[in-house]
Every structure is written in structure tokens, then in C-alpha cells.
Amino acid sequence: MTKFSAYPFHLVQRKDKNGIYYVRFKTTDSNGKTVLLPWKSTGETKEAAAMKKAFKMLEEGISRRSKNAEIPEEKTSIKTLSLINSVKNELSKDDYLVLLEELKARGIIKTYTLSGTKKDIELCRYLLDFWNYESSDYLKECKRHDRQLTVCHIQKSYRHILKYWVPFFKDRQIADISKQDLRNFLNKIDELPLAWGTKKQIYGAGQKALKYAYNNEILEKDITAGIMSFSGKSKERVILTKEQVRAVFAVEWIDERMKLANLLALMTGLRLGEIRALQKGDLGENCIYVRHSWNEQEGLKCTKNRENRAVYCPHVMTSLLLAFAERNPLGAKMDSFVFFGDFNPTRPVCSDYFIRGLKDALSKIGMSPEQVREIKFHAWRHLYSSLMADRLPFRILQTQTGHKTLAMAEHYASHILDSDSQQIQDAQNYLFSEYLGIANIDVNSRRCIKNTPIEYRIKDGLRGSKEL
């Protein structure tokens, strides 16, 4: 039986062995109609004590335990309970939006995410999709605007997200991520024994995606703005001295093709991928037309700066390259590779093939294993640039190396004058003819080390990638 109906609550004793009194407080809805809140236990078995407890609850609020175990039990006023009841039973979706906007305007909440909208997405799922060919709007836009990123860069970014971002952020919603969360992530990455450049790439993989999310209204604020990434001094590239270069090309190499490719890199500054991509049709009388590069993921592709260039070199060098190209067992066609693969002549040799020859030659001239590890194939390009820079104006050197660091150099890159070509060849003859004579490359040599092909396959939507 309900007691004290004239009061702002109803009081009822349960008909069980405990006989505890329960109270139900009165309130009004948005239309002014009287409604009752859910029953609450007074914990009392005596009517007078239960009524006293009900008035105390009315004055001080009702104890409510939060669903979050870390938050202690707290008091909630009848007014608040009435509001909660209205939220549960009366408000429409539009009413909810009005309420959320009001809370946001008052600074109580910074943002909110509605279920089923494009903001309702887990951060890590978004980041992985961002670096996935099949699902990334960003990569599709890059392709439309002819700003397509290399597969190597995309795969590396995907792996950084998978290895570092996913374990840290787990199932957090993208709308819940704050600047402080990013700073905490950077602090965590900073503790890892990685080079500063690698740490910068790890953060950059997510930073680019988050900026894109802001620009496309997935995020209301650019949470990456004002956050400093990693910086430092790059490790200085180790290059060989002139004496070491003489010694390297004077020793017997395990394969003449390895020696030729390394000598070509020294004399022209070509990148490893550009050397692998050389075809018979790229060979001129005293120059090489650099039109492509090669890597396992993409195969034959455009050059790094997406522009062709003519790189001058002595006629002796182009003749040697042509002689090796004509040894292709499938026939020396215009699109046949100069450095063709032994297992598949329609593809060039693997990248580590030339590096293996260089390492072996360095060991033969007395370098320690530690010193050998410091020398990279790309060091030839650095050595070429440093030597030629002393004998050529910068604008002419740019036409040979394919660098695009200065706008003016880029402007002149496509205009090689006859006087420029002669100046380039004079410099090459002065600097490198000695090494060409020392190398004494034997076109008919039978020394040939079989290069093992690298198998690549598709996984996780990454086109032509290694298995992650």
C-alpha cells in the first residue's frame, strides 16, 4: 500500500521477509505533467525511519554507484535524476543534439561522436585504412593528382601504424584522441632505441592521416597542430677515399657484372634502382637515357623525381653495358635489361647482388667487417656528387644527378647546352678514366654468381608487398 501520497514521494513497504521500505520521488516532465522516478530503497524497515530517510534523500540527493569502478559512490539530486529520466524516456534525436550542443557551448564537453557517422570510427582502423590501397581515399586522390606515393613508402607507413600506433591506442575512437594523447605517444616512442629519423617516420605515418581527417571534417580540430616531432643530425654517409677506390677496382671481383655496376654508379651517380632498370634502348653513344627505376614491389616505374634525364658517360662504358646486355639468353631487344636476372631474364638482378660484390671487394682490400658495414651502394652517388661539384657549376651537376632541391636548378635541368655536355665529359674523363683502366672489365668473363630472386606477394591490401 502506498503511503504519504500528499508528499513529494510515494513510500511502500515490500511484502517479503525483510519488509524494507522503498521510495519513489515525484517530478514533472517537459510538459509539466507529474511523473514518478524509479523506486529506490531506503534500507529501513520502520515507517518513521523510512520517511525520515526519504526526506533526507530529497534534501541531500540519492546515492548512485557509477558504472566506472574507479569512480566512488556519489550523491545525485532529485533534479538531476529527473533530467536523467527525461533523457531516457522523453527526448527525441533532435532534442539530444540540442542538449549536446548546449553542453559543448558551456564547455562541459569538447566534442561528441554520433553513432553511425564518419566520426564514429576507431583510430587504428582509420589509420590502417588510410595506408591501404583498397580503402584509402587519400591514396586515390594522390593518384588522381599525379602525386602517387611509392609503394615502399606506403608499406613502411602501414607497418609503422601496425607496429607502434595500434598497440598504444588499441580501440580508442578517433574523436576521443587529444593533443596530450599524441604527446604521450611521442614520449613512448622516444624511449625506444631507434634512430631519430625512424621515430619521425613513425609519428609522420599517423600525423599525415590525422591532418587529412581534420581537412575532411572527420576531426573538428587539427590535434597535430603545435606538436613538435623528432629531429636530430643524420649520420654522416661514409664514402671511400681515392686510394680506396683504386684498390677496390684493382682486386678481382667475384662477378664482372658486379664490378661494372659499381663502376657505373661511381662514374655517373646513378641510383641503384636506376641501374637495375637500365635497358638496351637506354644506351646512347656517349650517354645513358635514364627513364625508369626498378623495385620488387612496383617493378619498372618512373624515376624518383618522375622526370627523364640524359646522363653522360664515356663511350667505353656504354660499349661495355651494351656488350653485357647482348648476353641476355632471350635475345638483346631494346627493352632487355642490361643487368638481367639469371633465373628470369625478363627481370633485372636483385638489389643485393651488386652490394654483395662491393662488400666482397672491400673485404679483399683489408677493410674490417665493421668498416665494410658502413659502406653503402648509395655512397657512390655521394662520392660522384662531391667530386663533380668541384669541377661543374651546380646547375649542370643537377642535370646529371636528377636532384630537384632548388627551383632554379630544376628550371635549368631540362636545358643541357653542347658546351655543358662537353664540360661534363671533360670532368668525367679527368676524374674517372683512371678507375676505368684499373677495373679492366672482361666482357667475356665466365665468373658469374647466380642471384636469388626475392619473392613478393600481396597481403592486407598492399599491392605487391612482402608479407607483413
Protein backbone atom coordinates (compact mmCIF):
# COMPACT_ATOMS: atom_id res chain seq x y z
CA MET A 1 0.00 0.00 0.00
CA THR A 2 1.33 3.45 -0.96
CA LYS A 3 1.82 5.83 1.96
CA PHE A 4 2.14 9.60 2.22
CA SER A 5 0.85 10.33 -1.31
CA ALA A 6 0.48 14.02 -0.36
CA TYR A 7 4.25 14.27 0.00
CA PRO A 8 6.68 14.67 -2.94
CA PHE A 9 7.18 10.92 -2.96
CA HIS A 10 5.44 7.59 -2.53
CA LEU A 11 6.59 5.20 0.22
CA VAL A 12 5.87 1.47 0.04
CA GLN A 13 6.91 -1.48 2.19
CA ARG A 14 7.81 -4.62 0.32
CA LYS A 15 5.83 -7.69 1.27
CA ASP A 16 8.70 -10.06 1.92
CA LYS A 17 10.59 -11.28 4.94
CA ASN A 18 12.83 -8.18 5.01
CA GLY A 19 9.98 -5.66 4.81
CA ILE A 20 12.18 -2.80 3.57
CA TYR A 21 10.50 0.47 2.57
CA TYR A 22 11.04 1.78 -0.98
CA VAL A 23 10.55 5.38 -2.07
CA ARG A 24 9.51 6.76 -5.44
CA PHE A 25 10.00 10.52 -5.91
CA LYS A 26 7.66 12.76 -7.87
CA THR A 27 8.82 15.12 -10.60
CA THR A 28 7.42 16.80 -13.70
CA ASP A 29 8.27 16.20 -17.35
CA SER A 30 8.90 18.82 -20.03
CA ASN A 31 5.12 19.26 -20.46
CA GLY A 32 4.51 19.93 -16.75
CA LYS A 33 2.93 16.51 -16.15
CA THR A 34 3.73 14.71 -12.90
CA VAL A 35 5.84 11.59 -13.37
CA LEU A 36 7.44 9.18 -10.92
CA LEU A 37 11.11 8.30 -10.79
CA PRO A 38 12.23 4.67 -10.37
CA TRP A 39 11.96 3.03 -6.96
CA LYS A 40 14.84 3.48 -4.51
CA SER A 41 15.46 1.52 -1.32
CA THR A 42 15.53 3.43 1.95
CA GLY A 43 17.19 0.50 3.72
CA GLU A 44 14.71 0.96 6.59
CA THR A 45 12.08 -1.47 7.92
CA LYS A 46 10.31 1.07 10.17
CA GLU A 47 7.86 3.50 8.65
CA ALA A 48 9.03 6.58 10.59
CA ALA A 49 12.67 5.87 9.85
CA ALA A 50 11.89 5.28 6.17
CA MET A 51 10.02 8.60 5.91
CA LYS A 52 12.91 10.40 7.61
CA LYS A 53 15.34 8.77 5.19
CA ALA A 54 13.17 9.76 2.21
CA PHE A 55 13.22 13.44 3.23
CA LYS A 56 16.98 13.24 3.73
CA MET A 57 17.38 11.77 0.23
CA LEU A 58 15.19 14.56 -1.12
CA GLU A 59 17.45 17.15 0.51
CA GLU A 60 20.91 15.64 0.02
CA GLY A 61 20.44 13.50 -3.07
CA ILE A 62 20.38 9.78 -3.71
CA SER A 63 23.49 7.62 -3.60
CA ARG A 64 24.29 6.22 -7.04
CA ARG A 65 27.19 3.90 -7.90
CA SER A 66 28.89 4.76 -11.19
CA LYS A 67 29.32 2.10 -13.85
CA ASN A 68 33.00 3.06 -13.82
CA ALA A 69 34.51 1.12 -10.91
CA GLU A 70 37.23 3.76 -10.49
CA ILE A 71 34.66 6.45 -9.62
CA PRO A 72 33.45 6.29 -5.98
CA GLU A 73 29.78 6.28 -4.97
CA GLU A 74 28.29 9.76 -5.27
CA LYS A 75 25.09 11.70 -4.41
CA THR A 76 22.69 12.66 -7.19
CA SER A 77 19.99 15.28 -6.69
CA ILE A 78 16.33 14.64 -7.47
CA LYS A 79 16.57 17.39 -10.09
CA THR A 80 19.38 15.53 -11.83
CA LEU A 81 17.52 12.23 -11.59
CA SER A 82 14.53 13.91 -13.15
CA LEU A 83 16.69 15.12 -16.01
CA ILE A 84 18.15 11.63 -16.48
CA ASN A 85 14.65 10.21 -16.55
CA SER A 86 13.66 12.71 -19.24
CA VAL A 87 16.74 11.83 -21.29
CA LYS A 88 15.86 8.15 -21.08
CA ASN A 89 12.17 8.42 -21.84
CA GLU A 90 11.16 11.72 -23.43
CA LEU A 91 13.82 13.26 -25.69
CA SER A 92 13.90 12.82 -29.46
CA LYS A 93 17.10 12.60 -31.51
CA ASP A 94 16.86 16.32 -32.29
CA ASP A 95 16.46 17.04 -28.58
CA TYR A 96 19.63 15.06 -27.88
CA LEU A 97 21.54 17.11 -30.44
CA VAL A 98 20.32 20.36 -28.90
CA LEU A 99 21.37 19.14 -25.45
CA LEU A 100 24.81 18.09 -26.71
CA GLU A 101 25.39 21.42 -28.42
CA GLU A 102 24.41 23.22 -25.22
CA LEU A 103 26.86 21.14 -23.20
CA LYS A 104 29.53 21.90 -25.77
CA ALA A 105 28.74 25.62 -25.73
CA ARG A 106 29.07 25.67 -21.94
CA GLY A 107 32.46 23.98 -22.16
CA ILE A 108 31.30 20.87 -20.32
CA ILE A 109 32.26 18.65 -23.26
CA LYS A 110 34.75 19.45 -26.00
CA THR A 111 33.28 17.25 -28.69
CA TYR A 112 30.93 14.33 -29.21
CA THR A 113 30.54 11.50 -31.69
CA LEU A 114 27.21 10.28 -33.03
CA SER A 115 26.82 6.58 -33.74
CA GLY A 116 26.85 5.66 -37.39
CA THR A 117 28.59 8.85 -38.59
CA LYS A 118 32.02 9.08 -40.22
CA LYS A 119 33.42 10.25 -36.88
CA ASP A 120 32.29 7.01 -35.26
CA ILE A 121 35.46 5.07 -36.09
CA GLU A 122 38.37 3.59 -34.18
CA LEU A 123 41.62 5.49 -34.63
CA CYS A 124 43.72 2.46 -35.53
CA ARG A 125 41.18 1.17 -38.04
CA TYR A 126 41.16 4.58 -39.68
CA LEU A 127 44.98 4.74 -39.79
CA LEU A 128 45.32 1.27 -41.30
CA ASP A 129 42.68 2.06 -43.93
CA PHE A 130 44.45 5.35 -44.68
CA TRP A 131 47.57 3.45 -45.78
CA ASN A 132 45.69 0.71 -47.63
CA TYR A 133 45.35 0.91 -51.43
CA GLU A 134 41.89 -0.62 -51.46
CA SER A 135 40.28 1.64 -48.86
CA SER A 136 42.25 4.90 -48.80
CA ASP A 137 40.58 7.98 -50.25
CA TYR A 138 43.85 9.82 -49.69
CA LEU A 139 45.90 7.46 -51.88
CA LYS A 140 43.23 7.57 -54.57
CA GLU A 141 43.34 11.37 -54.51
CA CYS A 142 47.13 11.31 -54.81
CA LYS A 143 46.81 9.10 -57.86
CA ARG A 144 44.24 11.41 -59.47
CA HIS A 145 46.50 14.42 -58.93
CA ASP A 146 49.59 12.56 -60.20
CA ARG A 147 51.18 12.70 -56.75
CA GLN A 148 51.19 8.95 -56.29
CA LEU A 149 53.41 7.86 -53.41
CA THR A 150 55.84 4.99 -53.82
CA VAL A 151 54.71 1.56 -52.72
CA CYS A 152 57.77 1.34 -50.45
CA HIS A 153 56.69 4.48 -48.57
CA ILE A 154 53.10 3.29 -48.26
CA GLN A 155 54.12 -0.13 -46.98
CA LYS A 156 56.55 1.34 -44.47
CA SER A 157 53.88 3.72 -43.15
CA TYR A 158 51.39 0.83 -42.86
CA ARG A 159 53.90 -1.21 -40.86
CA HIS A 160 54.63 1.73 -38.56
CA ILE A 161 50.91 2.04 -37.79
CA LEU A 162 50.59 -1.69 -37.20
CA LYS A 163 53.67 -1.99 -35.00
CA TYR A 164 53.54 1.21 -32.94
CA TRP A 165 50.19 3.03 -33.16
CA VAL A 166 47.90 0.00 -32.77
CA PRO A 167 49.45 -1.36 -29.54
CA PHE A 168 49.44 2.10 -27.96
CA PHE A 169 45.96 3.39 -28.88
CA LYS A 170 44.20 0.00 -29.19
CA ASP A 171 40.42 0.51 -29.63
CA ARG A 172 40.25 4.27 -28.90
CA GLN A 173 37.82 6.30 -31.02
CA ILE A 174 39.42 8.85 -33.32
CA ALA A 175 37.18 11.61 -31.95
CA ASP A 176 38.46 10.92 -28.42
CA ILE A 177 42.15 11.46 -29.23
CA SER A 178 43.63 14.66 -27.83
CA LYS A 179 46.89 16.55 -28.22
CA GLN A 180 48.03 15.13 -24.89
CA ASP A 181 47.42 11.60 -26.18
CA LEU A 182 49.75 12.33 -29.10
CA ARG A 183 52.38 13.78 -26.77
CA ASN A 184 52.16 10.67 -24.60
CA PHE A 185 52.63 8.55 -27.73
CA LEU A 186 55.68 10.58 -28.78
CA ASN A 187 57.17 10.18 -25.31
CA LYS A 188 56.67 6.42 -25.57
CA ILE A 189 58.32 6.28 -29.00
CA ASP A 190 61.16 8.44 -27.73
CA GLU A 191 62.04 5.73 -25.20
CA LEU A 192 62.67 3.18 -27.96
CA PRO A 193 66.25 2.50 -29.16
CA LEU A 194 65.58 3.82 -32.67
CA ALA A 195 67.23 6.45 -34.85
CA TRP A 196 65.57 9.85 -34.72
CA GLY A 197 64.71 9.58 -38.42
CA THR A 198 62.82 6.33 -37.82
CA LYS A 199 60.94 7.87 -34.89
CA LYS A 200 59.99 10.79 -37.12
CA GLN A 201 58.66 8.41 -39.77
CA ILE A 202 56.61 6.50 -37.15
CA TYR A 203 54.90 9.67 -35.97
CA GLY A 204 54.60 11.05 -39.51
CA ALA A 205 52.62 8.00 -40.65
CA GLY A 206 49.85 8.88 -38.20
CA GLN A 207 50.26 12.65 -38.36
CA LYS A 208 49.55 12.77 -42.10
CA ALA A 209 46.40 10.69 -41.61
CA LEU A 210 45.15 12.86 -38.72
CA LYS A 211 45.69 16.07 -40.70
CA TYR A 212 43.71 14.54 -43.55
CA ALA A 213 40.95 13.64 -41.07
CA TYR A 214 40.77 17.28 -39.94
CA ASN A 215 40.73 18.63 -43.51
CA ASN A 216 37.86 16.27 -44.36
CA GLU A 217 35.73 17.02 -41.27
CA ILE A 218 36.32 13.71 -39.54
CA LEU A 219 38.01 15.65 -36.75
CA GLU A 220 36.77 19.04 -35.59
CA LYS A 221 40.28 20.23 -34.68
CA ASP A 222 43.76 19.62 -36.01
CA ILE A 223 45.14 17.82 -32.97
CA THR A 224 48.59 17.60 -34.60
CA ALA A 225 48.98 21.39 -34.77
CA GLY A 226 51.63 22.73 -32.41
CA ILE A 227 53.10 19.31 -31.60
CA MET A 228 56.80 19.01 -32.40
CA SER A 229 58.03 15.76 -33.90
CA PHE A 230 61.57 14.34 -33.68
CA SER A 231 64.69 15.99 -35.07
CA GLY A 232 68.39 15.36 -34.98
CA LYS A 233 71.51 15.17 -37.07
CA SER A 234 71.66 12.45 -39.69
CA LYS A 235 74.55 10.06 -39.52
CA GLU A 236 77.24 11.20 -41.93
CA ARG A 237 77.48 9.00 -45.00
CA VAL A 238 80.82 7.16 -45.20
CA ILE A 239 82.45 7.38 -48.64
CA LEU A 240 85.68 5.91 -49.93
CA THR A 241 88.90 7.80 -50.48
CA LYS A 242 90.52 7.95 -53.93
CA GLU A 243 93.14 5.45 -52.79
CA GLN A 244 90.45 3.04 -51.58
CA VAL A 245 88.55 3.38 -54.86
CA ARG A 246 91.70 2.48 -56.81
CA ALA A 247 92.25 -0.55 -54.60
CA VAL A 248 88.62 -1.70 -54.84
CA PHE A 249 88.58 -1.80 -58.64
CA ALA A 250 92.07 -3.30 -58.83
CA VAL A 251 91.15 -6.51 -56.95
CA GLU A 252 89.44 -9.46 -58.60
CA TRP A 253 85.66 -9.33 -58.21
CA ILE A 254 83.53 -12.44 -57.89
CA ASP A 255 81.46 -11.30 -60.89
CA GLU A 256 82.37 -8.80 -63.63
CA ARG A 257 78.78 -7.51 -63.76
CA MET A 258 79.03 -6.53 -60.09
CA LYS A 259 82.19 -4.56 -60.81
CA LEU A 260 80.64 -2.88 -63.87
CA ALA A 261 77.51 -1.77 -61.98
CA ASN A 262 79.57 -0.29 -59.12
CA LEU A 263 81.90 1.47 -61.55
CA LEU A 264 78.87 2.85 -63.39
CA ALA A 265 77.48 4.24 -60.11
CA LEU A 266 80.81 5.95 -59.40
CA MET A 267 81.12 7.49 -62.87
CA THR A 268 77.50 8.65 -63.29
CA GLY A 269 75.95 8.93 -59.83
CA LEU A 270 73.00 6.74 -60.91
CA ARG A 271 70.81 5.33 -58.15
CA LEU A 272 70.71 1.57 -57.59
CA GLY A 273 67.11 1.34 -58.83
CA GLU A 274 68.03 3.29 -61.98
CA ILE A 275 70.94 0.95 -62.71
CA ARG A 276 68.75 -2.12 -62.29
CA ALA A 277 66.16 -0.61 -64.67
CA LEU A 278 68.65 0.09 -67.49
CA GLN A 279 67.58 -1.40 -70.81
CA LYS A 280 69.43 -1.76 -74.07
CA GLY A 281 67.32 1.02 -75.61
CA ASP A 282 68.54 3.43 -72.90
CA LEU A 283 72.15 3.28 -74.11
CA GLY A 284 73.39 6.10 -76.32
CA GLU A 285 76.82 6.55 -77.83
CA ASN A 286 78.22 8.63 -75.01
CA CYS A 287 75.27 8.92 -72.65
CA ILE A 288 72.58 6.96 -70.85
CA TYR A 289 68.92 7.95 -71.03
CA VAL A 290 67.57 7.46 -67.53
CA ARG A 291 63.84 6.81 -67.94
CA HIS A 292 62.98 4.27 -65.25
CA SER A 293 63.74 2.82 -61.85
CA TRP A 294 63.04 -0.68 -60.52
CA ASN A 295 62.00 -2.21 -57.24
CA GLU A 296 60.42 -5.55 -56.34
CA GLN A 297 57.13 -4.07 -55.22
CA GLU A 298 56.34 -1.98 -58.31
CA GLY A 299 58.64 -3.38 -60.96
CA LEU A 300 59.57 -0.92 -63.70
CA LYS A 301 58.45 2.55 -62.71
CA CYS A 302 59.28 6.20 -63.28
CA THR A 303 62.38 7.82 -61.81
CA LYS A 304 62.39 9.20 -58.29
CA ASN A 305 61.61 12.76 -59.40
CA ARG A 306 59.29 11.48 -62.17
CA GLU A 307 61.43 13.06 -64.91
CA ASN A 308 63.72 11.57 -67.56
CA ARG A 309 67.29 12.79 -67.98
CA ALA A 310 70.35 12.16 -70.14
CA VAL A 311 73.44 11.23 -68.11
CA TYR A 312 76.76 11.48 -69.92
CA CYS A 313 79.46 8.83 -69.60
CA PRO A 314 82.45 7.71 -71.69
CA HIS A 315 81.79 5.72 -74.84
CA VAL A 316 83.85 2.87 -73.39
CA MET A 317 81.33 2.50 -70.56
CA THR A 318 78.25 2.44 -72.83
CA SER A 319 80.02 -0.15 -75.02
CA LEU A 320 80.62 -2.37 -72.01
CA LEU A 321 76.99 -2.04 -70.95
CA LEU A 322 75.81 -2.92 -74.44
CA ALA A 323 78.08 -5.98 -74.53
CA PHE A 324 76.62 -7.28 -71.27
CA ALA A 325 73.06 -6.56 -72.44
CA GLU A 326 73.64 -8.67 -75.57
CA ARG A 327 74.41 -11.71 -73.41
CA ASN A 328 70.73 -11.95 -72.48
CA PRO A 329 69.70 -15.56 -73.25
CA LEU A 330 66.32 -14.35 -74.52
CA GLY A 331 67.96 -12.06 -77.05
CA ALA A 332 69.09 -8.45 -76.77
CA LYS A 333 65.93 -6.49 -77.55
CA MET A 334 65.51 -2.78 -76.97
CA ASP A 335 63.61 -3.47 -73.73
CA SER A 336 66.05 -6.14 -72.50
CA PHE A 337 67.71 -5.36 -69.20
CA VAL A 338 71.44 -4.67 -69.16
CA PHE A 339 71.77 -6.43 -65.81
CA PHE A 340 69.25 -9.20 -66.45
CA GLY A 341 68.33 -11.82 -63.88
CA ASP A 342 69.87 -15.27 -64.12
CA PHE A 343 66.68 -17.05 -63.11
CA ASN A 344 64.34 -14.76 -65.04
CA PRO A 345 66.00 -12.67 -67.80
CA THR A 346 62.82 -10.60 -68.18
CA ARG A 347 63.60 -9.06 -64.79
CA PRO A 348 66.78 -7.37 -63.55
CA VAL A 349 69.05 -8.84 -60.90
CA CYS A 350 68.21 -8.35 -57.22
CA SER A 351 69.44 -5.22 -55.45
CA ASP A 352 71.67 -7.06 -53.01
CA TYR A 353 73.53 -8.65 -55.93
CA PHE A 354 75.64 -5.53 -56.62
CA ILE A 355 76.02 -4.79 -52.91
CA ARG A 356 77.37 -8.30 -52.29
CA GLY A 357 80.10 -7.75 -54.87
CA LEU A 358 81.04 -4.41 -53.33
CA LYS A 359 81.26 -5.88 -49.81
CA ASP A 360 83.46 -8.72 -51.06
CA ALA A 361 85.85 -6.30 -52.81
CA LEU A 362 86.05 -4.08 -49.71
CA SER A 363 86.99 -7.08 -47.61
CA LYS A 364 89.72 -8.03 -50.10
CA ILE A 365 91.43 -4.62 -49.73
CA GLY A 366 91.73 -5.17 -46.00
CA MET A 367 88.68 -3.41 -44.54
CA SER A 368 87.32 -4.82 -41.29
CA PRO A 369 83.75 -6.20 -41.14
CA GLU A 370 82.73 -3.11 -39.15
CA GLN A 371 84.15 -0.77 -41.80
CA VAL A 372 82.53 -2.76 -44.61
CA ARG A 373 79.10 -2.44 -42.97
CA GLU A 374 79.48 1.36 -43.01
CA ILE A 375 79.80 1.49 -46.82
CA LYS A 376 76.51 1.51 -48.75
CA PHE A 377 75.96 1.31 -52.50
CA HIS A 378 74.48 4.81 -52.35
CA ALA A 379 77.92 6.05 -51.24
CA TRP A 380 78.99 6.01 -54.90
CA ARG A 381 76.36 8.65 -55.63
CA HIS A 382 77.65 10.83 -52.80
CA LEU A 383 81.24 10.40 -53.99
CA TYR A 384 80.30 11.25 -57.58
CA SER A 385 78.47 14.40 -56.49
CA SER A 386 81.29 15.58 -54.23
CA LEU A 387 83.97 15.05 -56.90
CA MET A 388 81.99 16.57 -59.76
CA ALA A 389 80.88 19.54 -57.65
CA ASP A 390 84.48 20.76 -57.65
CA ARG A 391 84.56 20.84 -61.45
CA LEU A 392 80.98 21.68 -62.53
CA PRO A 393 78.54 24.50 -61.80
CA PHE A 394 75.68 23.36 -59.60
CA ARG A 395 73.04 23.81 -62.32
CA ILE A 396 74.92 21.43 -64.64
CA LEU A 397 75.53 18.85 -61.93
CA GLN A 398 71.79 18.83 -61.21
CA THR A 399 71.07 17.67 -64.76
CA GLN A 400 73.17 14.56 -64.14
CA THR A 401 72.16 13.56 -60.63
CA GLY A 402 68.43 14.25 -61.03
CA HIS A 403 68.22 16.22 -57.78
CA LYS A 404 65.44 18.84 -57.52
CA THR A 405 66.35 20.76 -54.39
CA LEU A 406 66.45 24.26 -55.90
CA ALA A 407 63.82 25.82 -58.12
CA MET A 408 66.42 27.45 -60.37
CA ALA A 409 68.35 24.20 -60.77
CA GLU A 410 65.08 22.50 -61.68
CA HIS A 411 64.46 25.18 -64.30
CA TYR A 412 67.82 24.59 -65.97
CA ALA A 413 67.71 20.79 -65.67
CA SER A 414 65.93 20.28 -69.00
CA HIS A 415 68.27 22.59 -70.94
CA ILE A 416 71.68 20.98 -71.46
CA LEU A 417 73.80 23.01 -73.84
CA ASP A 418 76.50 21.48 -76.06
CA SER A 419 79.11 23.32 -74.02
CA ASP A 420 77.61 21.81 -70.87
CA SER A 421 77.81 18.24 -72.20
CA GLN A 422 81.44 18.74 -73.17
CA GLN A 423 82.20 20.15 -69.73
CA ILE A 424 80.56 17.12 -68.10
CA GLN A 425 82.52 14.67 -70.23
CA ASP A 426 85.78 16.51 -69.64
CA ALA A 427 85.21 16.31 -65.90
CA GLN A 428 84.37 12.60 -66.09
CA ASN A 429 87.45 11.82 -68.13
CA TYR A 430 89.63 13.73 -65.70
CA LEU A 431 88.14 12.14 -62.58
CA PHE A 432 87.21 8.59 -63.59
CA SER A 433 89.19 7.41 -66.62
CA GLU A 434 91.88 6.12 -64.26
CA TYR A 435 89.39 3.83 -62.49
CA LEU A 436 88.03 2.58 -65.80
CA GLY A 437 91.52 1.49 -66.78
CA ILE A 438 92.23 -0.09 -63.38
CA ALA A 439 88.96 -2.07 -63.44
CA ASN A 440 89.83 -3.66 -66.80
CA ILE A 441 86.40 -5.27 -67.05
CA ASP A 442 86.31 -8.51 -69.02
CA VAL A 443 83.09 -8.79 -71.01
CA ASN A 444 83.76 -12.45 -71.80
CA SER A 445 84.43 -13.46 -68.21
CA ARG A 446 82.72 -16.66 -67.08
CA ARG A 447 82.75 -15.63 -63.44
CA CYS A 448 79.06 -15.29 -62.64
CA ILE A 449 77.33 -15.63 -59.28
CA LYS A 450 73.69 -16.64 -59.56
CA ASN A 451 71.44 -14.10 -57.87
CA THR A 452 68.49 -15.50 -55.95
CA PRO A 453 65.16 -13.85 -56.81
CA ILE A 454 63.10 -12.28 -53.99
CA GLU A 455 59.53 -13.49 -53.81
CA TYR A 456 56.87 -10.90 -53.05
CA ARG A 457 53.16 -11.44 -52.57
CA ILE A 458 50.07 -9.44 -51.71
CA LYS A 459 48.70 -9.28 -48.17
CA ASP A 460 46.42 -6.89 -46.27
CA GLY A 461 45.54 -4.97 -49.44
CA LEU A 462 49.14 -3.86 -50.01
CA ARG A 463 49.80 -4.29 -53.71
CA GLY A 464 52.95 -6.26 -54.43
CA SER A 465 54.23 -6.12 -50.85
CA LYS A 466 56.18 -8.58 -48.80
CA GLU A 467 54.12 -10.48 -46.28
CA LEU A 468 53.85 -8.34 -43.16
